[in-house]
N, C-alpha and C. Protein backbone atom coordinates (compact mmCIF):
# COMPACT_ATOMS: atom_id res chain seq x y z
N MET A 1 0.84 -1.16 0.00
CA MET A 1 0.00 0.00 0.00
C MET A 1 0.90 1.24 0.00
N THR A 2 0.58 2.16 -0.87
CA THR A 2 1.43 3.33 -1.02
C THR A 2 0.90 4.54 -0.26
N HIS A 3 -0.32 4.49 0.24
CA HIS A 3 -0.97 5.59 0.96
C HIS A 3 -1.11 6.84 0.10
N HIS A 4 -1.15 6.62 -1.21
CA HIS A 4 -1.38 7.76 -2.09
C HIS A 4 -2.87 7.89 -2.37
N LYS A 5 -3.29 9.06 -2.65
CA LYS A 5 -4.68 9.34 -2.95
C LYS A 5 -5.04 8.74 -4.31
N TYR A 6 -6.27 8.14 -4.39
CA TYR A 6 -6.72 7.58 -5.68
C TYR A 6 -7.07 8.72 -6.63
N VAL A 7 -6.55 8.67 -7.82
CA VAL A 7 -6.81 9.68 -8.83
C VAL A 7 -7.49 8.99 -10.00
N SER A 8 -8.60 9.54 -10.39
CA SER A 8 -9.38 8.94 -11.47
C SER A 8 -9.30 9.81 -12.71
N SER A 9 -9.35 9.15 -13.86
CA SER A 9 -9.39 9.88 -15.13
C SER A 9 -10.62 9.42 -15.89
N LYS A 10 -10.92 10.07 -16.99
CA LYS A 10 -12.06 9.65 -17.80
C LYS A 10 -11.88 8.22 -18.28
N LYS A 11 -10.65 7.87 -18.62
CA LYS A 11 -10.37 6.52 -19.11
C LYS A 11 -10.72 5.48 -18.04
N SER A 12 -10.26 5.71 -16.79
CA SER A 12 -10.53 4.73 -15.73
C SER A 12 -12.03 4.73 -15.38
N TYR A 13 -12.68 5.88 -15.46
CA TYR A 13 -14.11 5.95 -15.20
C TYR A 13 -14.87 5.06 -16.18
N TYR A 14 -14.56 5.18 -17.48
CA TYR A 14 -15.26 4.37 -18.48
C TYR A 14 -14.89 2.90 -18.38
N GLN A 15 -13.66 2.59 -17.95
CA GLN A 15 -13.29 1.19 -17.73
C GLN A 15 -14.12 0.60 -16.59
N ILE A 16 -14.24 1.35 -15.50
CA ILE A 16 -15.03 0.88 -14.35
C ILE A 16 -16.51 0.76 -14.74
N ARG A 17 -16.99 1.74 -15.47
CA ARG A 17 -18.39 1.71 -15.90
C ARG A 17 -18.65 0.53 -16.83
N GLY A 18 -17.74 0.27 -17.72
CA GLY A 18 -17.87 -0.87 -18.63
C GLY A 18 -17.90 -2.19 -17.88
N GLU A 19 -16.98 -2.33 -16.91
CA GLU A 19 -16.94 -3.55 -16.09
C GLU A 19 -18.22 -3.70 -15.29
N SER A 20 -18.72 -2.59 -14.75
CA SER A 20 -19.97 -2.59 -13.99
C SER A 20 -21.13 -3.02 -14.88
N GLY A 21 -21.19 -2.48 -16.09
CA GLY A 21 -22.25 -2.86 -17.04
C GLY A 21 -22.20 -4.33 -17.39
N ARG A 22 -20.97 -4.86 -17.60
CA ARG A 22 -20.82 -6.28 -17.92
C ARG A 22 -21.32 -7.14 -16.77
N LEU A 23 -20.94 -6.80 -15.54
CA LEU A 23 -21.37 -7.58 -14.38
C LEU A 23 -22.89 -7.49 -14.18
N CYS A 24 -23.43 -6.31 -14.39
CA CYS A 24 -24.87 -6.14 -14.22
C CYS A 24 -25.64 -6.97 -15.25
N LYS A 25 -25.19 -6.94 -16.50
CA LYS A 25 -25.84 -7.74 -17.54
C LYS A 25 -25.74 -9.22 -17.22
N GLU A 26 -24.58 -9.62 -16.74
CA GLU A 26 -24.33 -11.02 -16.41
C GLU A 26 -25.28 -11.52 -15.31
N HIS A 27 -25.62 -10.63 -14.40
CA HIS A 27 -26.46 -11.02 -13.27
C HIS A 27 -27.89 -10.48 -13.36
N GLY A 28 -28.27 -9.93 -14.49
CA GLY A 28 -29.63 -9.47 -14.71
C GLY A 28 -30.01 -8.23 -13.92
N LEU A 29 -29.05 -7.38 -13.64
CA LEU A 29 -29.32 -6.15 -12.90
C LEU A 29 -29.50 -5.00 -13.87
N SER A 30 -29.86 -3.82 -13.35
CA SER A 30 -30.06 -2.67 -14.22
C SER A 30 -28.72 -2.19 -14.78
N VAL A 31 -28.78 -1.64 -15.98
CA VAL A 31 -27.57 -1.25 -16.70
C VAL A 31 -27.73 0.18 -17.17
N VAL A 32 -26.68 1.00 -17.01
CA VAL A 32 -26.67 2.35 -17.56
C VAL A 32 -26.21 2.23 -19.00
N THR A 33 -27.08 2.63 -19.91
CA THR A 33 -26.71 2.54 -21.32
C THR A 33 -26.14 3.88 -21.77
N SER A 34 -25.35 3.86 -22.81
CA SER A 34 -24.71 5.09 -23.25
C SER A 34 -25.75 6.10 -23.71
N GLY A 35 -25.53 7.35 -23.36
CA GLY A 35 -26.43 8.41 -23.75
C GLY A 35 -27.62 8.57 -22.80
N LYS A 36 -27.73 7.72 -21.80
CA LYS A 36 -28.84 7.79 -20.85
C LYS A 36 -28.29 8.14 -19.48
N GLU A 37 -29.07 8.88 -18.73
CA GLU A 37 -28.64 9.21 -17.38
C GLU A 37 -29.23 8.24 -16.36
N ARG A 38 -30.31 7.56 -16.73
CA ARG A 38 -30.96 6.64 -15.80
C ARG A 38 -30.68 5.21 -16.21
N CYS A 39 -30.77 4.32 -15.23
CA CYS A 39 -30.54 2.90 -15.48
C CYS A 39 -31.76 2.28 -16.16
N THR A 40 -31.51 1.27 -16.97
CA THR A 40 -32.57 0.53 -17.61
C THR A 40 -32.42 -0.93 -17.23
N CYS A 41 -33.50 -1.52 -16.74
CA CYS A 41 -33.47 -2.92 -16.36
C CYS A 41 -34.35 -3.69 -17.33
N SER A 42 -33.85 -4.77 -17.89
CA SER A 42 -34.64 -5.50 -18.88
C SER A 42 -35.91 -6.05 -18.27
N LYS A 43 -35.91 -6.31 -16.96
CA LYS A 43 -37.13 -6.80 -16.30
C LYS A 43 -38.25 -5.77 -16.39
N THR A 44 -37.92 -4.50 -16.25
CA THR A 44 -38.95 -3.46 -16.26
C THR A 44 -39.50 -3.21 -17.65
N LEU A 45 -38.76 -3.59 -18.67
CA LEU A 45 -39.23 -3.38 -20.03
C LEU A 45 -40.21 -4.45 -20.47
N GLY A 46 -40.21 -5.59 -19.80
CA GLY A 46 -41.15 -6.65 -20.12
C GLY A 46 -40.48 -7.87 -20.73
N GLU A 47 -41.31 -8.90 -20.95
CA GLU A 47 -40.80 -10.17 -21.45
C GLU A 47 -40.22 -10.07 -22.86
N ALA A 48 -40.68 -9.13 -23.64
CA ALA A 48 -40.21 -9.01 -25.01
C ALA A 48 -38.79 -8.45 -25.09
N TYR A 49 -38.22 -8.01 -23.96
CA TYR A 49 -36.90 -7.39 -23.98
C TYR A 49 -35.86 -8.16 -23.18
N THR A 50 -36.13 -9.43 -22.91
CA THR A 50 -35.10 -10.25 -22.28
C THR A 50 -34.06 -10.61 -23.33
N VAL A 51 -32.89 -11.04 -22.87
CA VAL A 51 -31.81 -11.40 -23.80
C VAL A 51 -32.29 -12.51 -24.75
N GLU A 52 -33.01 -13.49 -24.20
CA GLU A 52 -33.49 -14.61 -25.02
C GLU A 52 -34.48 -14.12 -26.08
N ALA A 53 -35.41 -13.24 -25.67
CA ALA A 53 -36.42 -12.74 -26.61
C ALA A 53 -35.77 -11.92 -27.73
N ILE A 54 -34.80 -11.12 -27.38
CA ILE A 54 -34.11 -10.31 -28.40
C ILE A 54 -33.32 -11.22 -29.35
N THR A 55 -32.68 -12.24 -28.80
CA THR A 55 -31.94 -13.20 -29.63
C THR A 55 -32.90 -13.92 -30.58
N GLU A 56 -34.06 -14.34 -30.07
CA GLU A 56 -35.07 -15.00 -30.92
C GLU A 56 -35.58 -14.05 -31.99
N ARG A 57 -35.76 -12.79 -31.64
CA ARG A 57 -36.25 -11.80 -32.62
C ARG A 57 -35.24 -11.62 -33.75
N ILE A 58 -33.96 -11.58 -33.39
CA ILE A 58 -32.91 -11.44 -34.41
C ILE A 58 -32.91 -12.67 -35.30
N ALA A 59 -33.09 -13.85 -34.70
CA ALA A 59 -33.11 -15.10 -35.47
C ALA A 59 -34.40 -15.26 -36.26
N GLY A 60 -35.42 -14.48 -35.91
CA GLY A 60 -36.70 -14.55 -36.63
C GLY A 60 -37.64 -15.62 -36.10
N THR A 61 -37.38 -16.12 -34.90
CA THR A 61 -38.23 -17.18 -34.34
C THR A 61 -39.10 -16.70 -33.19
N TYR A 62 -39.04 -15.43 -32.86
CA TYR A 62 -39.78 -14.90 -31.72
C TYR A 62 -41.26 -14.75 -32.06
N ARG A 63 -42.11 -15.22 -31.15
CA ARG A 63 -43.56 -15.06 -31.27
C ARG A 63 -44.06 -14.28 -30.06
N ALA A 64 -44.57 -13.11 -30.31
CA ALA A 64 -45.09 -12.29 -29.22
C ALA A 64 -46.39 -12.88 -28.70
N LYS A 65 -46.56 -12.81 -27.38
CA LYS A 65 -47.81 -13.28 -26.78
C LYS A 65 -48.90 -12.25 -27.07
N PRO A 66 -50.10 -12.72 -27.42
CA PRO A 66 -51.17 -11.75 -27.68
C PRO A 66 -51.55 -11.01 -26.40
N LYS A 67 -51.84 -9.74 -26.55
CA LYS A 67 -52.24 -8.92 -25.41
C LYS A 67 -53.66 -9.31 -25.00
N ALA A 68 -53.90 -9.27 -23.73
CA ALA A 68 -55.23 -9.54 -23.22
C ALA A 68 -56.15 -8.38 -23.60
N LEU A 69 -57.33 -8.71 -24.05
CA LEU A 69 -58.27 -7.67 -24.43
C LEU A 69 -58.80 -6.98 -23.18
N ARG A 70 -58.90 -5.67 -23.25
CA ARG A 70 -59.48 -4.94 -22.13
C ARG A 70 -60.98 -5.09 -22.19
N GLN A 71 -61.56 -5.32 -21.04
CA GLN A 71 -63.00 -5.43 -20.99
C GLN A 71 -63.59 -4.03 -20.95
N GLU A 72 -64.60 -3.86 -21.77
CA GLU A 72 -65.28 -2.57 -21.79
C GLU A 72 -66.04 -2.39 -20.50
N LYS A 73 -66.04 -1.19 -20.00
CA LYS A 73 -66.80 -0.90 -18.79
C LYS A 73 -68.28 -0.94 -19.14
N THR A 74 -69.00 -1.65 -18.30
CA THR A 74 -70.44 -1.68 -18.50
C THR A 74 -71.05 -0.61 -17.62
N GLY A 75 -72.20 -0.18 -17.97
CA GLY A 75 -72.88 0.83 -17.18
C GLY A 75 -73.05 2.10 -17.98
N VAL A 76 -73.59 3.08 -17.30
CA VAL A 76 -73.91 4.34 -17.94
C VAL A 76 -72.74 5.29 -17.82
N SER A 77 -72.43 5.95 -18.90
CA SER A 77 -71.40 6.97 -18.90
C SER A 77 -71.93 8.16 -19.69
N MET A 78 -71.72 9.31 -19.16
CA MET A 78 -72.24 10.52 -19.79
C MET A 78 -71.37 10.94 -20.97
N LEU A 79 -71.98 11.64 -21.90
CA LEU A 79 -71.22 12.21 -23.01
C LEU A 79 -70.41 13.40 -22.52
N ILE A 80 -69.33 13.68 -23.20
CA ILE A 80 -68.46 14.80 -22.83
C ILE A 80 -68.76 15.96 -23.76
N ASP A 81 -69.02 17.12 -23.17
CA ASP A 81 -69.30 18.33 -23.93
C ASP A 81 -67.97 18.92 -24.39
N ILE A 82 -67.59 18.58 -25.61
CA ILE A 82 -66.27 18.97 -26.13
C ILE A 82 -66.17 20.48 -26.34
N GLN A 83 -67.27 21.10 -26.78
CA GLN A 83 -67.23 22.54 -27.06
C GLN A 83 -66.95 23.36 -25.79
N ASN A 84 -67.45 22.90 -24.64
CA ASN A 84 -67.29 23.66 -23.40
C ASN A 84 -66.24 23.06 -22.46
N SER A 85 -65.46 22.13 -22.96
CA SER A 85 -64.45 21.49 -22.13
C SER A 85 -63.13 22.23 -22.24
N ILE A 86 -62.62 22.66 -21.11
CA ILE A 86 -61.33 23.37 -21.09
C ILE A 86 -60.21 22.39 -21.46
N LYS A 87 -60.33 21.14 -20.99
CA LYS A 87 -59.32 20.14 -21.32
C LYS A 87 -59.21 19.93 -22.82
N ALA A 88 -60.36 19.90 -23.50
CA ALA A 88 -60.36 19.66 -24.94
C ALA A 88 -59.68 20.81 -25.69
N VAL A 89 -59.83 22.03 -25.18
CA VAL A 89 -59.19 23.18 -25.80
C VAL A 89 -57.68 23.10 -25.60
N GLU A 90 -57.25 22.67 -24.40
CA GLU A 90 -55.83 22.63 -24.07
C GLU A 90 -55.11 21.44 -24.69
N SER A 91 -55.84 20.35 -24.93
CA SER A 91 -55.18 19.13 -25.39
C SER A 91 -55.92 18.51 -26.56
N LYS A 92 -55.26 18.46 -27.70
CA LYS A 92 -55.87 17.83 -28.89
C LYS A 92 -56.05 16.33 -28.66
N GLY A 93 -55.13 15.71 -27.91
CA GLY A 93 -55.25 14.29 -27.60
C GLY A 93 -56.51 13.99 -26.80
N TYR A 94 -56.79 14.84 -25.80
CA TYR A 94 -58.00 14.67 -25.01
C TYR A 94 -59.24 14.88 -25.87
N GLU A 95 -59.18 15.88 -26.73
CA GLU A 95 -60.31 16.15 -27.62
C GLU A 95 -60.61 14.93 -28.50
N GLN A 96 -59.55 14.32 -29.04
CA GLN A 96 -59.72 13.12 -29.87
C GLN A 96 -60.31 11.98 -29.05
N TRP A 97 -59.78 11.79 -27.83
CA TRP A 97 -60.29 10.73 -26.95
C TRP A 97 -61.77 10.98 -26.64
N ALA A 98 -62.13 12.24 -26.36
CA ALA A 98 -63.51 12.57 -26.03
C ALA A 98 -64.44 12.30 -27.21
N LYS A 99 -63.99 12.60 -28.42
CA LYS A 99 -64.81 12.32 -29.61
C LYS A 99 -65.07 10.83 -29.74
N ILE A 100 -64.02 10.03 -29.56
CA ILE A 100 -64.16 8.57 -29.66
C ILE A 100 -65.06 8.06 -28.54
N HIS A 101 -64.87 8.58 -27.33
CA HIS A 101 -65.71 8.19 -26.19
C HIS A 101 -67.19 8.49 -26.48
N ASN A 102 -67.45 9.68 -26.99
CA ASN A 102 -68.83 10.06 -27.30
C ASN A 102 -69.43 9.16 -28.38
N MET A 103 -68.63 8.80 -29.37
CA MET A 103 -69.14 7.90 -30.42
C MET A 103 -69.45 6.52 -29.84
N LYS A 104 -68.60 6.03 -28.95
CA LYS A 104 -68.86 4.73 -28.32
C LYS A 104 -70.14 4.77 -27.49
N GLN A 105 -70.34 5.86 -26.76
CA GLN A 105 -71.56 5.98 -25.95
C GLN A 105 -72.80 6.07 -26.84
N ALA A 106 -72.69 6.77 -27.96
CA ALA A 106 -73.82 6.86 -28.90
C ALA A 106 -74.12 5.48 -29.48
N ALA A 107 -73.08 4.71 -29.78
CA ALA A 107 -73.26 3.36 -30.31
C ALA A 107 -73.93 2.45 -29.27
N LYS A 108 -73.50 2.56 -28.00
CA LYS A 108 -74.14 1.77 -26.94
C LYS A 108 -75.62 2.14 -26.81
N THR A 109 -75.91 3.42 -26.89
CA THR A 109 -77.30 3.88 -26.79
C THR A 109 -78.13 3.32 -27.94
N LEU A 110 -77.59 3.40 -29.14
CA LEU A 110 -78.30 2.88 -30.30
C LEU A 110 -78.51 1.37 -30.19
N ASN A 111 -77.50 0.64 -29.72
CA ASN A 111 -77.64 -0.80 -29.52
C ASN A 111 -78.74 -1.11 -28.51
N PHE A 112 -78.79 -0.36 -27.41
CA PHE A 112 -79.82 -0.58 -26.40
C PHE A 112 -81.21 -0.34 -26.99
N LEU A 113 -81.35 0.75 -27.71
CA LEU A 113 -82.67 1.07 -28.31
C LEU A 113 -83.08 0.01 -29.32
N THR A 114 -82.13 -0.48 -30.09
CA THR A 114 -82.42 -1.51 -31.09
C THR A 114 -82.79 -2.83 -30.41
N GLU A 115 -82.02 -3.22 -29.38
CA GLU A 115 -82.29 -4.47 -28.68
C GLU A 115 -83.66 -4.48 -28.01
N HIS A 116 -84.11 -3.32 -27.55
CA HIS A 116 -85.39 -3.23 -26.85
C HIS A 116 -86.52 -2.75 -27.76
N ASP A 117 -86.23 -2.73 -29.05
CA ASP A 117 -87.23 -2.36 -30.07
C ASP A 117 -87.89 -1.01 -29.76
N ILE A 118 -87.05 -0.04 -29.44
CA ILE A 118 -87.53 1.31 -29.14
C ILE A 118 -87.16 2.21 -30.31
N SER A 119 -88.19 2.73 -30.97
CA SER A 119 -87.91 3.57 -32.14
C SER A 119 -88.46 4.98 -31.98
N GLU A 120 -89.28 5.20 -30.95
CA GLU A 120 -89.85 6.53 -30.74
C GLU A 120 -89.69 6.95 -29.29
N TYR A 121 -89.72 8.24 -29.06
CA TYR A 121 -89.52 8.79 -27.73
C TYR A 121 -90.59 8.29 -26.76
N GLU A 122 -91.83 8.17 -27.21
CA GLU A 122 -92.92 7.72 -26.35
C GLU A 122 -92.66 6.30 -25.85
N GLN A 123 -92.09 5.45 -26.70
CA GLN A 123 -91.76 4.08 -26.29
C GLN A 123 -90.68 4.10 -25.21
N LEU A 124 -89.69 4.95 -25.39
CA LEU A 124 -88.62 5.09 -24.41
C LEU A 124 -89.20 5.58 -23.08
N GLN A 125 -90.09 6.56 -23.14
CA GLN A 125 -90.71 7.09 -21.92
C GLN A 125 -91.52 6.01 -21.21
N ALA A 126 -92.21 5.16 -21.98
CA ALA A 126 -92.99 4.07 -21.39
C ALA A 126 -92.07 3.07 -20.68
N VAL A 127 -90.94 2.75 -21.29
CA VAL A 127 -89.97 1.84 -20.67
C VAL A 127 -89.42 2.46 -19.39
N LEU A 128 -89.10 3.75 -19.44
CA LEU A 128 -88.59 4.43 -18.26
C LEU A 128 -89.62 4.45 -17.13
N ASP A 129 -90.88 4.70 -17.47
CA ASP A 129 -91.95 4.69 -16.46
C ASP A 129 -92.10 3.31 -15.83
N GLU A 130 -92.01 2.28 -16.65
CA GLU A 130 -92.10 0.90 -16.16
C GLU A 130 -90.95 0.58 -15.21
N VAL A 131 -89.74 0.97 -15.59
CA VAL A 131 -88.57 0.74 -14.74
C VAL A 131 -88.71 1.51 -13.43
N HIS A 132 -89.20 2.75 -13.51
CA HIS A 132 -89.38 3.57 -12.31
C HIS A 132 -90.40 2.94 -11.37
N THR A 133 -91.50 2.43 -11.91
CA THR A 133 -92.53 1.77 -11.10
C THR A 133 -91.97 0.52 -10.43
N GLU A 134 -91.21 -0.28 -11.19
CA GLU A 134 -90.59 -1.47 -10.62
C GLU A 134 -89.62 -1.09 -9.50
N SER A 135 -88.88 -0.03 -9.68
CA SER A 135 -87.93 0.43 -8.67
C SER A 135 -88.66 0.86 -7.40
N GLU A 136 -89.76 1.59 -7.54
CA GLU A 136 -90.54 2.00 -6.37
C GLU A 136 -91.12 0.79 -5.64
N ASN A 137 -91.63 -0.20 -6.40
CA ASN A 137 -92.18 -1.41 -5.79
C ASN A 137 -91.10 -2.18 -5.04
N THR A 138 -89.93 -2.28 -5.63
CA THR A 138 -88.82 -2.99 -5.00
C THR A 138 -88.39 -2.26 -3.72
N THR A 139 -88.36 -0.94 -3.76
CA THR A 139 -87.99 -0.16 -2.58
C THR A 139 -89.00 -0.37 -1.47
N ALA A 140 -90.29 -0.36 -1.80
CA ALA A 140 -91.33 -0.58 -0.79
C ALA A 140 -91.21 -1.98 -0.19
N THR A 141 -90.97 -2.99 -1.02
CA THR A 141 -90.80 -4.36 -0.54
C THR A 141 -89.59 -4.45 0.37
N LEU A 142 -88.51 -3.80 -0.02
CA LEU A 142 -87.28 -3.82 0.78
C LEU A 142 -87.50 -3.16 2.14
N LYS A 143 -88.21 -2.04 2.17
CA LYS A 143 -88.50 -1.37 3.44
C LYS A 143 -89.34 -2.27 4.34
N GLY A 144 -90.30 -2.98 3.77
CA GLY A 144 -91.12 -3.92 4.55
C GLY A 144 -90.27 -5.04 5.13
N LEU A 145 -89.36 -5.57 4.33
CA LEU A 145 -88.48 -6.64 4.80
C LEU A 145 -87.53 -6.13 5.90
N GLU A 146 -87.04 -4.91 5.74
CA GLU A 146 -86.16 -4.33 6.76
C GLU A 146 -86.92 -4.15 8.08
N LYS A 147 -88.18 -3.74 8.01
CA LYS A 147 -89.02 -3.58 9.21
C LYS A 147 -89.22 -4.93 9.87
N ARG A 148 -89.52 -5.96 9.08
CA ARG A 148 -89.73 -7.32 9.61
C ARG A 148 -88.43 -7.82 10.25
N LEU A 149 -87.30 -7.58 9.62
CA LEU A 149 -86.00 -7.98 10.16
C LEU A 149 -85.73 -7.29 11.49
N SER A 150 -86.06 -6.02 11.58
CA SER A 150 -85.89 -5.27 12.82
C SER A 150 -86.76 -5.86 13.92
N ASP A 151 -88.02 -6.18 13.59
CA ASP A 151 -88.94 -6.78 14.57
C ASP A 151 -88.42 -8.13 15.05
N ILE A 152 -87.94 -8.96 14.13
CA ILE A 152 -87.41 -10.28 14.49
C ILE A 152 -86.17 -10.13 15.36
N SER A 153 -85.31 -9.16 15.04
CA SER A 153 -84.10 -8.92 15.82
C SER A 153 -84.47 -8.54 17.26
N LEU A 154 -85.46 -7.67 17.43
CA LEU A 154 -85.91 -7.27 18.76
C LEU A 154 -86.50 -8.47 19.50
N LEU A 155 -87.29 -9.28 18.81
CA LEU A 155 -87.89 -10.47 19.41
C LEU A 155 -86.80 -11.43 19.89
N MET A 156 -85.77 -11.64 19.05
CA MET A 156 -84.67 -12.53 19.43
C MET A 156 -83.94 -12.00 20.67
N LYS A 157 -83.75 -10.70 20.75
CA LYS A 157 -83.09 -10.08 21.89
C LYS A 157 -83.91 -10.31 23.16
N ASN A 158 -85.24 -10.12 23.05
CA ASN A 158 -86.12 -10.32 24.21
C ASN A 158 -86.17 -11.78 24.64
N ILE A 159 -86.19 -12.71 23.68
CA ILE A 159 -86.20 -14.14 24.00
C ILE A 159 -84.91 -14.51 24.72
N SER A 160 -83.78 -13.98 24.25
CA SER A 160 -82.49 -14.26 24.87
C SER A 160 -82.47 -13.74 26.30
N ALA A 161 -82.99 -12.54 26.52
CA ALA A 161 -83.04 -11.97 27.87
C ALA A 161 -83.95 -12.79 28.77
N TYR A 162 -85.08 -13.24 28.23
CA TYR A 162 -86.04 -14.06 29.00
C TYR A 162 -85.39 -15.37 29.42
N GLN A 163 -84.67 -16.02 28.47
CA GLN A 163 -84.03 -17.30 28.78
C GLN A 163 -82.96 -17.13 29.86
N GLN A 164 -82.26 -16.03 29.84
CA GLN A 164 -81.22 -15.81 30.82
C GLN A 164 -81.81 -15.56 32.22
N THR A 165 -82.92 -14.83 32.27
CA THR A 165 -83.54 -14.55 33.58
C THR A 165 -84.37 -15.71 34.09
N LYS A 166 -84.99 -16.48 33.21
CA LYS A 166 -85.83 -17.61 33.59
C LYS A 166 -85.02 -18.63 34.37
N GLY A 167 -83.83 -18.96 33.90
CA GLY A 167 -83.00 -19.95 34.55
C GLY A 167 -82.60 -19.50 35.96
N GLY A 168 -82.41 -18.22 36.20
CA GLY A 168 -81.98 -17.71 37.50
C GLY A 168 -83.11 -17.58 38.50
N LEU A 169 -84.38 -17.44 38.07
CA LEU A 169 -85.51 -17.22 38.97
C LEU A 169 -85.95 -18.50 39.68
N TYR A 170 -85.93 -19.60 38.99
CA TYR A 170 -86.55 -20.81 39.52
C TYR A 170 -85.55 -21.79 40.12
N THR A 171 -84.30 -21.46 40.22
CA THR A 171 -83.35 -22.37 40.81
C THR A 171 -83.25 -22.09 42.31
N VAL A 172 -83.22 -23.14 43.09
CA VAL A 172 -83.18 -22.95 44.55
C VAL A 172 -81.83 -23.34 45.10
């Protein structure tokens, strides 16, 4: 040991960096690539960027796995007012997305009307009135059941109290 201070140069820095990159690649760790300030790990890029997958791609034998289809959200979604949307004015991408979203919602509406054989506003109003009546009837039935459940719960509480006191009164 010479007790001299370690002095680094650009050459030694790149030699150390190169050795570090080799070791990291060898052990599947993140690697700093040239021209980048952040590390890149092949694991974070996905299965298509492993050493084996890249080798297969070069050889022409790689088969990508099909992406899983996203399930469309079911339910009601409102249309977006593009003319009065500040986001749409600020972002052309959002405006495009909103147009596509509105078209999808219009298509869902048309499909619903076609499936239920609704071609006029009066027919739609009749269906809505029917659904509203069914909803009110269901709510009334539910309230009745909740009242009965409350009564039964109180009865069970009283029976339990009676059983506890009955045993203590008659024992000598």
